[in-house]
Amino acid sequence: MSALPACSVLLPFLPRRPEQLLPYAALVEWTAAERLWQGQSLLVEPFQGFAAAAGSGFRVPTGTGVTLMPLRHPYEAAHQARSLALTTGEPVVAGFGPGARSFQRSLLGAPYASPLTAAREYLTVVRGLLEGRNLSFSGTYFSCEGAMTPAVTPRIELGLGVLRPGMARLAGQIADVAITWLTPASYLKETLVPALRAGAEEAGRPVPRVTAMVPMALRTPDRDPAELVVAGNAPHMRAPHYIDMLRTGGIDISGDELPAAGKRMVEGKAFLHGDPGELAGLLAEYREAGADEVVLNLTGVCNVHGPKAAMSELKTILAAVA
């Protein structure tokens, strides 16, 4: 079998109580999983949930993939990331992204005219603060005058949510980690990784690591994988930027109803489905495509069959890829 990327775990639901994170933090602590990830939540905020898990005794490496820029000023973002590293005593990947245009409009009054400019400014301010610099920064979208109180922390890496080549090129220039969601390995290899490398070359810096959030499920006789695709990804499958990305990657779901679109996504390997050995082989394709880390996303299983089923499958898949 080809070499596998590092494997991490995505919390497959939005927690309403911080203790709901504990089994997943324990899974990371007690298995070969690299890191515990959570996407943006409007229930328990990821930074606070991870801190609560640390306070309960589960201090594990964490990642936010991704928190949305309109929710907080970059000074607050740097403060949250550093607070989490200080609280857990473990490395943090602080991933950020501009979010959908509709979300930007709802919070800011208007979407970013240039999400690339907004993301560049945001990460520039966050990095400067985390590096201990006294900033005097004035941009189109974000400004910051000042510094943070010095503190020694575990490593904090800055991630940028990457879906299309423009953001990948920017990530190559300014991020430590490029974080993808729902991207097939072929699209990663042919489209995103070349743009990432081009951006890094332009900036004269190392190519950022690639973390791919990969939705998946084990094959069982009583399951329709298309149902699991829709259960875990319906909002993304309706979003224009995801539809465009998938079309570029060879999966055209633009004219399909969701069940049919889900089937296309399984066929196109945007959603992985198989027995443990087959999933290990499919994850190896991500390594060959340039991913350094894959994050096991069992959200569809959790939404249809419940968190116990998702936890059981995570354990099975991790055992197969360890």
Protein backbone atom coordinates (compact mmCIF):
# COMPACT_ATOMS: atom_id res chain seq x y z
CA MET A 1 0.00 0.00 0.00
CA SER A 2 1.20 3.54 -0.72
CA ALA A 3 2.19 5.72 2.20
CA LEU A 4 -0.70 7.30 4.05
CA PRO A 5 -0.89 10.90 5.21
CA ALA A 6 -1.25 11.67 8.90
CA CYS A 7 -4.84 11.06 9.99
CA SER A 8 -6.83 13.34 12.26
CA VAL A 9 -10.43 13.46 13.49
CA LEU A 10 -13.20 15.97 12.84
CA LEU A 11 -15.83 16.43 15.53
CA PRO A 12 -18.83 15.22 13.47
CA PHE A 13 -21.49 17.46 15.02
CA LEU A 14 -21.90 20.89 16.57
CA PRO A 15 -21.67 20.40 20.34
CA ARG A 16 -24.20 21.97 22.67
CA ARG A 17 -22.24 21.03 25.80
CA PRO A 18 -18.45 20.95 26.05
CA GLU A 19 -18.46 17.45 27.57
CA GLN A 20 -19.65 16.16 24.19
CA LEU A 21 -16.12 16.80 22.90
CA LEU A 22 -14.47 14.55 25.47
CA PRO A 23 -14.83 11.16 23.73
CA TYR A 24 -13.28 12.61 20.58
CA ALA A 25 -10.45 14.28 22.48
CA ALA A 26 -9.85 10.93 24.19
CA LEU A 27 -9.81 9.22 20.78
CA VAL A 28 -7.02 11.54 19.67
CA GLU A 29 -5.13 11.01 22.92
CA TRP A 30 -5.39 7.21 22.87
CA THR A 31 -4.99 6.41 19.18
CA ALA A 32 -2.65 7.33 16.35
CA ALA A 33 -4.88 10.28 15.38
CA GLU A 34 -2.84 13.42 14.94
CA ARG A 35 -5.23 16.18 15.94
CA LEU A 36 -8.84 17.01 16.86
CA TRP A 37 -10.52 19.41 14.44
CA GLN A 38 -13.74 21.35 14.54
CA GLY A 39 -15.32 23.62 11.97
CA GLN A 40 -17.07 26.87 12.76
CA SER A 41 -19.89 26.48 15.25
CA LEU A 42 -22.52 28.98 16.29
CA LEU A 43 -23.28 26.85 19.36
CA VAL A 44 -20.17 26.02 21.46
CA GLU A 45 -17.38 28.13 19.99
CA PRO A 46 -14.47 25.83 18.92
CA PHE A 47 -11.79 27.68 20.90
CA GLN A 48 -13.88 27.47 24.07
CA GLY A 49 -14.87 23.85 23.51
CA PHE A 50 -11.26 22.76 23.09
CA ALA A 51 -10.26 24.72 26.20
CA ALA A 52 -13.05 23.02 28.17
CA ALA A 53 -11.80 19.60 27.03
CA ALA A 54 -8.31 20.52 28.21
CA GLY A 55 -9.75 21.55 31.57
CA SER A 56 -11.33 18.09 31.80
CA GLY A 57 -7.93 16.46 31.35
CA PHE A 58 -7.80 15.88 27.58
CA ARG A 59 -5.00 18.09 26.31
CA VAL A 60 -4.55 17.27 22.63
CA PRO A 61 -3.39 19.09 19.50
CA THR A 62 -6.30 20.96 17.96
CA GLY A 63 -7.31 22.62 14.73
CA THR A 64 -10.07 24.98 13.65
CA GLY A 65 -11.10 24.27 10.11
CA VAL A 66 -12.12 26.96 9.54
CA THR A 67 -13.37 29.77 11.75
CA LEU A 68 -15.03 32.58 9.84
CA MET A 69 -13.36 35.96 9.58
CA PRO A 70 -16.51 38.14 9.84
CA LEU A 71 -17.09 36.87 13.38
CA ARG A 72 -14.00 38.47 14.94
CA HIS A 73 -11.31 41.07 14.41
CA PRO A 74 -7.88 39.56 13.66
CA TYR A 75 -6.58 40.79 17.04
CA GLU A 76 -9.28 38.74 18.75
CA ALA A 77 -8.46 35.81 16.45
CA ALA A 78 -4.80 35.93 17.46
CA HIS A 79 -5.80 36.23 21.10
CA GLN A 80 -8.12 33.20 20.87
CA ALA A 81 -5.51 31.06 19.11
CA ARG A 82 -2.82 31.92 21.62
CA SER A 83 -5.18 31.43 24.56
CA LEU A 84 -5.99 27.94 23.28
CA ALA A 85 -2.31 27.04 22.93
CA LEU A 86 -1.63 28.31 26.46
CA THR A 87 -4.64 26.47 27.87
CA THR A 88 -3.97 23.11 26.25
CA GLY A 89 -0.18 23.21 26.23
CA GLU A 90 -0.43 21.62 22.77
CA PRO A 91 0.07 22.81 19.18
CA VAL A 92 -2.79 24.64 17.49
CA VAL A 93 -3.67 25.09 13.83
CA ALA A 94 -5.78 28.24 13.70
CA GLY A 95 -7.59 28.05 10.39
CA PHE A 96 -9.51 30.99 8.98
CA GLY A 97 -11.67 31.70 5.98
CA PRO A 98 -13.94 34.48 4.69
CA GLY A 99 -17.09 32.32 4.62
CA ALA A 100 -19.87 32.52 2.07
CA ARG A 101 -20.81 35.88 0.56
CA SER A 102 -24.26 35.62 2.17
CA PHE A 103 -22.64 35.19 5.60
CA GLN A 104 -20.34 38.16 5.00
CA ARG A 105 -23.30 40.29 3.99
CA SER A 106 -25.37 39.28 7.01
CA LEU A 107 -22.67 40.38 9.47
CA LEU A 108 -20.84 43.13 7.64
CA GLY A 109 -23.59 44.73 5.58
CA ALA A 110 -21.87 43.83 2.33
CA PRO A 111 -19.63 40.97 1.19
CA TYR A 112 -15.90 41.46 0.78
CA ALA A 113 -15.35 42.91 -2.69
CA SER A 114 -12.10 40.92 -2.68
CA PRO A 115 -12.05 37.89 -0.36
CA LEU A 116 -8.40 37.37 -1.30
CA THR A 117 -7.45 40.84 -0.10
CA ALA A 118 -9.47 40.40 3.08
CA ALA A 119 -7.84 37.03 3.82
CA ARG A 120 -4.35 38.41 3.11
CA GLU A 121 -4.89 41.31 5.50
CA TYR A 122 -6.44 39.09 8.17
CA LEU A 123 -3.60 36.56 8.27
CA THR A 124 -1.00 39.33 8.04
CA VAL A 125 -2.35 40.92 11.22
CA VAL A 126 -2.78 37.60 13.07
CA ARG A 127 0.75 36.46 12.19
CA GLY A 128 2.31 39.76 13.14
CA LEU A 129 0.64 39.71 16.54
CA LEU A 130 1.55 36.07 17.22
CA GLU A 131 5.15 36.82 16.29
CA GLY A 132 5.25 39.55 18.93
CA ARG A 133 5.46 42.50 16.59
CA ASN A 134 4.12 45.95 17.38
CA LEU A 135 1.86 46.50 14.40
CA SER A 136 0.93 49.63 12.57
CA PHE A 137 -1.25 48.11 9.86
CA SER A 138 -3.96 49.81 7.85
CA GLY A 139 -5.67 47.84 5.11
CA THR A 140 -8.82 47.91 3.03
CA TYR A 141 -10.74 45.69 5.45
CA PHE A 142 -8.68 45.42 8.63
CA SER A 143 -6.48 47.74 10.65
CA CYS A 144 -4.46 47.16 13.79
CA GLU A 145 -2.29 49.41 15.92
CA GLY A 146 -0.54 47.66 18.80
CA ALA A 147 0.86 44.39 20.05
CA MET A 148 0.03 41.47 22.32
CA THR A 149 1.60 40.89 25.71
CA PRO A 150 4.61 38.56 25.13
CA ALA A 151 4.12 34.89 26.01
CA VAL A 152 5.84 31.60 25.18
CA THR A 153 3.38 29.07 23.72
CA PRO A 154 3.34 25.76 21.88
CA ARG A 155 3.50 26.08 18.12
CA ILE A 156 0.61 27.98 16.52
CA GLU A 157 0.24 27.52 12.77
CA LEU A 158 -1.98 29.70 10.63
CA GLY A 159 -4.31 27.92 8.25
CA LEU A 160 -6.32 29.27 5.35
CA GLY A 161 -9.43 27.60 3.96
CA VAL A 162 -8.71 26.75 0.32
CA LEU A 163 -11.24 25.75 -2.31
CA ARG A 164 -10.12 27.29 -5.59
CA PRO A 165 -6.76 28.23 -7.19
CA GLY A 166 -6.75 31.91 -6.20
CA MET A 167 -7.03 31.16 -2.49
CA ALA A 168 -4.54 28.30 -2.87
CA ARG A 169 -2.01 30.66 -4.40
CA LEU A 170 -2.58 33.10 -1.54
CA ALA A 171 -2.18 30.31 1.01
CA GLY A 172 1.15 29.48 -0.60
CA GLN A 173 2.23 33.07 0.02
CA ILE A 174 1.03 33.62 3.61
CA ALA A 175 -0.25 30.47 5.38
CA ASP A 176 1.37 27.59 7.21
CA VAL A 177 -1.43 25.16 6.35
CA ALA A 178 -3.85 25.01 3.41
CA ILE A 179 -7.14 23.48 4.60
CA THR A 180 -9.46 21.93 2.02
CA TRP A 181 -13.02 20.66 2.39
CA LEU A 182 -14.83 18.22 0.07
CA THR A 183 -12.04 18.31 -2.52
CA PRO A 184 -11.35 15.07 -4.42
CA ALA A 185 -7.73 13.91 -4.42
CA SER A 186 -7.53 14.44 -8.19
CA TYR A 187 -8.60 18.09 -7.85
CA LEU A 188 -6.09 18.58 -5.07
CA LYS A 189 -3.29 17.17 -7.23
CA GLU A 190 -4.16 18.85 -10.51
CA THR A 191 -5.48 22.24 -9.38
CA LEU A 192 -4.80 23.23 -5.77
CA VAL A 193 -1.30 21.90 -5.08
CA PRO A 194 0.23 23.51 -8.21
CA ALA A 195 -1.33 26.87 -7.24
CA LEU A 196 -0.10 26.45 -3.68
CA ARG A 197 3.43 25.77 -4.87
CA ALA A 198 3.32 28.72 -7.27
CA GLY A 199 2.32 31.05 -4.45
CA ALA A 200 5.07 29.77 -2.18
CA GLU A 201 7.64 30.19 -4.94
CA GLU A 202 6.51 33.76 -5.57
CA ALA A 203 6.89 34.57 -1.87
CA GLY A 204 10.20 32.72 -1.52
CA ARG A 205 8.93 30.55 1.34
CA PRO A 206 8.31 26.86 2.01
CA VAL A 207 5.17 25.28 0.57
CA PRO A 208 2.51 25.13 3.31
CA ARG A 209 1.32 21.79 4.59
CA VAL A 210 -1.95 20.53 3.12
CA THR A 211 -4.77 19.31 5.35
CA ALA A 212 -7.72 17.74 3.54
CA MET A 213 -11.06 17.35 5.31
CA VAL A 214 -12.44 14.18 3.74
CA PRO A 215 -16.06 12.99 4.22
CA MET A 216 -16.41 9.21 4.29
CA ALA A 217 -18.32 6.20 5.57
CA LEU A 218 -17.86 2.46 5.88
CA ARG A 219 -19.81 0.28 3.47
CA THR A 220 -22.61 -1.72 5.08
CA PRO A 221 -25.43 -3.68 3.39
CA ASP A 222 -28.24 -1.49 4.72
CA ARG A 223 -26.84 1.88 3.69
CA ASP A 224 -27.29 4.18 0.75
CA PRO A 225 -24.05 6.19 0.58
CA ALA A 226 -25.78 9.00 -1.32
CA GLU A 227 -28.00 9.57 1.73
CA LEU A 228 -24.90 9.96 3.90
CA VAL A 229 -23.37 12.42 1.42
CA VAL A 230 -26.44 14.64 1.55
CA ALA A 231 -26.81 14.33 5.33
CA GLY A 232 -23.30 15.63 5.91
CA ASN A 233 -22.84 18.06 3.04
CA ALA A 234 -26.19 19.45 1.81
CA PRO A 235 -25.38 23.15 2.50
CA HIS A 236 -22.06 22.85 0.65
CA MET A 237 -23.70 21.05 -2.26
CA ARG A 238 -26.03 24.04 -2.75
CA ALA A 239 -23.30 26.69 -2.46
CA PRO A 240 -22.12 28.19 -5.78
CA HIS A 241 -18.42 28.13 -4.88
CA TYR A 242 -18.57 24.42 -3.99
CA ILE A 243 -20.57 23.60 -7.10
CA ASP A 244 -17.92 25.40 -9.16
CA MET A 245 -15.06 23.59 -7.41
CA LEU A 246 -16.67 20.18 -7.89
CA ARG A 247 -17.41 20.91 -11.55
CA THR A 248 -13.78 21.85 -12.11
CA GLY A 249 -12.84 18.60 -10.38
CA GLY A 250 -14.98 16.61 -12.81
CA ILE A 251 -18.12 16.24 -10.65
CA ASP A 252 -20.98 18.28 -12.11
CA ILE A 253 -23.87 18.40 -9.63
CA SER A 254 -25.29 21.72 -10.79
CA GLY A 255 -28.47 20.34 -12.34
CA ASP A 256 -29.06 17.41 -10.00
CA GLU A 257 -31.41 16.89 -7.11
CA LEU A 258 -29.46 16.16 -3.93
CA PRO A 259 -29.76 12.33 -3.91
CA ALA A 260 -28.48 12.13 -7.49
CA ALA A 261 -25.77 14.68 -6.68
CA GLY A 262 -24.73 12.57 -3.72
CA LYS A 263 -24.30 9.54 -5.95
CA ARG A 264 -22.13 11.57 -8.32
CA MET A 265 -19.95 12.67 -5.41
CA VAL A 266 -19.37 9.07 -4.35
CA GLU A 267 -18.53 8.10 -7.91
CA GLY A 268 -16.15 11.08 -8.21
CA LYS A 269 -14.45 10.33 -4.87
CA ALA A 270 -15.43 13.58 -3.20
CA PHE A 271 -17.03 11.28 -0.61
CA LEU A 272 -15.16 8.08 0.20
CA HIS A 273 -17.10 4.86 0.73
CA GLY A 274 -15.84 1.34 1.23
CA ASP A 275 -14.54 -1.23 3.67
CA PRO A 276 -11.59 -0.27 5.95
CA GLY A 277 -8.99 -1.50 3.48
CA GLU A 278 -10.61 0.32 0.58
CA LEU A 279 -10.77 3.55 2.58
CA ALA A 280 -7.09 3.21 3.46
CA GLY A 281 -6.30 2.89 -0.25
CA LEU A 282 -8.44 5.91 -1.11
CA LEU A 283 -6.74 7.96 1.61
CA ALA A 284 -3.36 6.97 0.16
CA GLU A 285 -4.46 8.76 -3.02
CA TYR A 286 -4.59 11.98 -1.01
CA ARG A 287 -0.98 11.48 0.05
CA GLU A 288 -0.02 10.95 -3.58
CA ALA A 289 -1.95 14.13 -4.46
CA GLY A 290 0.07 16.20 -1.97
CA ALA A 291 -1.91 16.06 1.28
CA ASP A 292 0.16 15.87 4.45
CA GLU A 293 -2.85 15.26 6.69
CA VAL A 294 -6.37 13.96 6.11
CA VAL A 295 -9.15 14.65 8.57
CA LEU A 296 -11.69 11.85 8.89
CA ASN A 297 -15.11 13.44 8.51
CA LEU A 298 -17.97 11.16 9.63
CA THR A 299 -20.59 13.91 9.77
CA GLY A 300 -22.97 12.13 7.42
CA VAL A 301 -22.83 8.95 9.50
CA CYS A 302 -23.39 10.94 12.68
CA ASN A 303 -26.38 12.82 11.24
CA VAL A 304 -28.09 9.65 10.01
CA HIS A 305 -27.02 6.97 12.49
CA GLY A 306 -25.95 8.97 15.54
CA PRO A 307 -22.69 9.82 17.33
CA LYS A 308 -22.13 6.28 18.64
CA ALA A 309 -22.07 4.91 15.10
CA ALA A 310 -19.72 7.70 14.00
CA MET A 311 -17.38 7.00 16.91
CA SER A 312 -17.36 3.27 16.15
CA GLU A 313 -16.49 3.91 12.51
CA LEU A 314 -13.76 6.37 13.42
CA LYS A 315 -12.13 3.72 15.61
CA THR A 316 -12.38 1.13 12.84
CA ILE A 317 -10.92 3.43 10.18
CA LEU A 318 -8.12 4.65 12.45
CA ALA A 319 -7.19 1.05 13.22
CA ALA A 320 -7.01 0.32 9.49
CA VAL A 321 -4.78 3.28 8.69
CA ALA A 322 -2.50 3.22 11.77
